[in-house]
């Protein structure tokens, strides 16, 4: 009998529940594919890069590549 993940408190219970871990790359890829299928905006809040950076970023995520995002020194990289 499979229990709910919120009720699991021990490693043995987690293993018995059938939980299968995913790598971060696989999780990101699956989430991106789901957003592409449903038509949800994929990178909300990022403007001006729709034809340059975003397609390259999507290809990298779909290919499970390592990604390193660099910004200009001294520039704020958050909202």
C-alpha atoms as a PDB file:
ATOM      1  CA  UNK A   1       0.000   0.000   0.000  1.00  0.00           C
ATOM      2  CA  UNK A   2       1.460   3.334  -1.029  1.00  0.00           C
ATOM      3  CA  UNK A   3       1.273   6.160   1.487  1.00  0.00           C
ATOM      4  CA  UNK A   4       1.168   9.894   0.816  1.00  0.00           C
ATOM      5  CA  UNK A   5       4.543  11.645   0.676  1.00  0.00           C
ATOM      6  CA  UNK A   6       3.406  14.133   3.331  1.00  0.00           C
ATOM      7  CA  UNK A   7       2.922  11.263   5.799  1.00  0.00           C
ATOM      8  CA  UNK A   8       6.410   9.809   5.278  1.00  0.00           C
ATOM      9  CA  UNK A   9       8.932  10.507   8.024  1.00  0.00           C
ATOM     10  CA  UNK A  10      11.557   7.765   7.601  1.00  0.00           C
ATOM     11  CA  UNK A  11      13.790   6.630   4.738  1.00  0.00           C
ATOM     12  CA  UNK A  12      12.340   3.114   4.817  1.00  0.00           C
ATOM     13  CA  UNK A  13       8.833   4.497   4.354  1.00  0.00           C
ATOM     14  CA  UNK A  14      10.041   6.616   1.442  1.00  0.00           C
ATOM     15  CA  UNK A  15      11.567   3.581  -0.277  1.00  0.00           C
ATOM     16  CA  UNK A  16       8.410   1.514   0.265  1.00  0.00           C
ATOM     17  CA  UNK A  17       6.244   4.301  -1.173  1.00  0.00           C
ATOM     18  CA  UNK A  18       7.774   3.818  -4.625  1.00  0.00           C
ATOM     19  CA  UNK A  19       9.337   7.276  -4.686  1.00  0.00           C
ATOM     20  CA  UNK A  20      11.946   7.639  -7.430  1.00  0.00           C
ATOM     21  CA  UNK A  21      14.366  10.579  -7.182  1.00  0.00           C
ATOM     22  CA  UNK A  22      15.160  12.719 -10.237  1.00  0.00           C
ATOM     23  CA  UNK A  23      18.252  14.689 -11.047  1.00  0.00           C
ATOM     24  CA  UNK A  24      17.894  18.464 -11.200  1.00  0.00           C
ATOM     25  CA  UNK A  25      18.523  18.380 -14.950  1.00  0.00           C
ATOM     26  CA  UNK A  26      15.720  15.847 -15.463  1.00  0.00           C
ATOM     27  CA  UNK A  27      13.365  17.822 -13.214  1.00  0.00           C
ATOM     28  CA  UNK A  28      14.074  21.059 -15.125  1.00  0.00           C
ATOM     29  CA  UNK A  29      13.667  19.286 -18.473  1.00  0.00           C
ATOM     30  CA  UNK A  30      10.347  17.692 -17.463  1.00  0.00           C
ATOM     31  CA  UNK A  31       9.024  21.035 -16.162  1.00  0.00           C
ATOM     32  CA  UNK A  32      10.062  22.845 -19.361  1.00  0.00           C
ATOM     33  CA  UNK A  33       8.460  20.205 -21.585  1.00  0.00           C
ATOM     34  CA  UNK A  34       5.225  20.439 -19.581  1.00  0.00           C
ATOM     35  CA  UNK A  35       5.186  24.235 -19.922  1.00  0.00           C
ATOM     36  CA  UNK A  36       5.822  23.948 -23.668  1.00  0.00           C
ATOM     37  CA  UNK A  37       2.946  21.475 -24.053  1.00  0.00           C
ATOM     38  CA  UNK A  38       0.454  23.555 -22.088  1.00  0.00           C
ATOM     39  CA  UNK A  39       1.502  26.912 -23.521  1.00  0.00           C
ATOM     40  CA  UNK A  40       2.376  28.435 -20.143  1.00  0.00           C
ATOM     41  CA  UNK A  41       4.861  31.316 -20.310  1.00  0.00           C
ATOM     42  CA  UNK A  42       8.215  29.691 -19.635  1.00  0.00           C
ATOM     43  CA  UNK A  43      10.454  32.496 -18.364  1.00  0.00           C
ATOM     44  CA  UNK A  44       8.109  35.049 -16.846  1.00  0.00           C
ATOM     45  CA  UNK A  45       9.759  38.320 -15.876  1.00  0.00           C
ATOM     46  CA  UNK A  46      12.608  38.076 -18.402  1.00  0.00           C
ATOM     47  CA  UNK A  47      12.193  40.603 -21.196  1.00  0.00           C
ATOM     48  CA  UNK A  48      14.189  41.388 -24.330  1.00  0.00           C
ATOM     49  CA  UNK A  49      15.825  37.993 -24.790  1.00  0.00           C
ATOM     50  CA  UNK A  50      13.015  36.095 -26.548  1.00  0.00           C
ATOM     51  CA  UNK A  51      14.990  35.732 -29.795  1.00  0.00           C
ATOM     52  CA  UNK A  52      18.513  35.353 -28.407  1.00  0.00           C
ATOM     53  CA  UNK A  53      19.115  33.943 -24.925  1.00  0.00           C
ATOM     54  CA  UNK A  54      15.803  32.155 -24.240  1.00  0.00           C
ATOM     55  CA  UNK A  55      15.994  29.716 -27.212  1.00  0.00           C
ATOM     56  CA  UNK A  56      19.586  28.811 -26.299  1.00  0.00           C
ATOM     57  CA  UNK A  57      18.620  28.320 -22.665  1.00  0.00           C
ATOM     58  CA  UNK A  58      15.694  26.096 -23.639  1.00  0.00           C
ATOM     59  CA  UNK A  59      17.923  23.965 -25.889  1.00  0.00           C
ATOM     60  CA  UNK A  60      20.478  23.611 -23.097  1.00  0.00           C
ATOM     61  CA  UNK A  61      17.813  22.515 -20.602  1.00  0.00           C
ATOM     62  CA  UNK A  62      16.253  20.058 -23.051  1.00  0.00           C
ATOM     63  CA  UNK A  63      19.709  18.613 -23.805  1.00  0.00           C
ATOM     64  CA  UNK A  64      20.568  18.361 -20.088  1.00  0.00           C
ATOM     65  CA  UNK A  65      23.668  20.513 -20.553  1.00  0.00           C
ATOM     66  CA  UNK A  66      25.492  22.212 -17.712  1.00  0.00           C
ATOM     67  CA  UNK A  67      24.490  25.890 -17.610  1.00  0.00           C
ATOM     68  CA  UNK A  68      26.463  28.779 -16.170  1.00  0.00           C
ATOM     69  CA  UNK A  69      24.772  32.199 -16.266  1.00  0.00           C
ATOM     70  CA  UNK A  70      27.114  35.149 -15.928  1.00  0.00           C
ATOM     71  CA  UNK A  71      26.199  38.766 -15.344  1.00  0.00           C
ATOM     72  CA  UNK A  72      28.134  41.983 -15.555  1.00  0.00           C
ATOM     73  CA  UNK A  73      30.187  42.788 -12.473  1.00  0.00           C
ATOM     74  CA  UNK A  74      28.412  45.153 -10.115  1.00  0.00           C
ATOM     75  CA  UNK A  75      25.007  44.671 -11.733  1.00  0.00           C
ATOM     76  CA  UNK A  76      22.043  43.582  -9.705  1.00  0.00           C
ATOM     77  CA  UNK A  77      20.817  40.139 -10.822  1.00  0.00           C
ATOM     78  CA  UNK A  78      17.482  40.030  -9.016  1.00  0.00           C
ATOM     79  CA  UNK A  79      14.226  41.932  -9.045  1.00  0.00           C
END
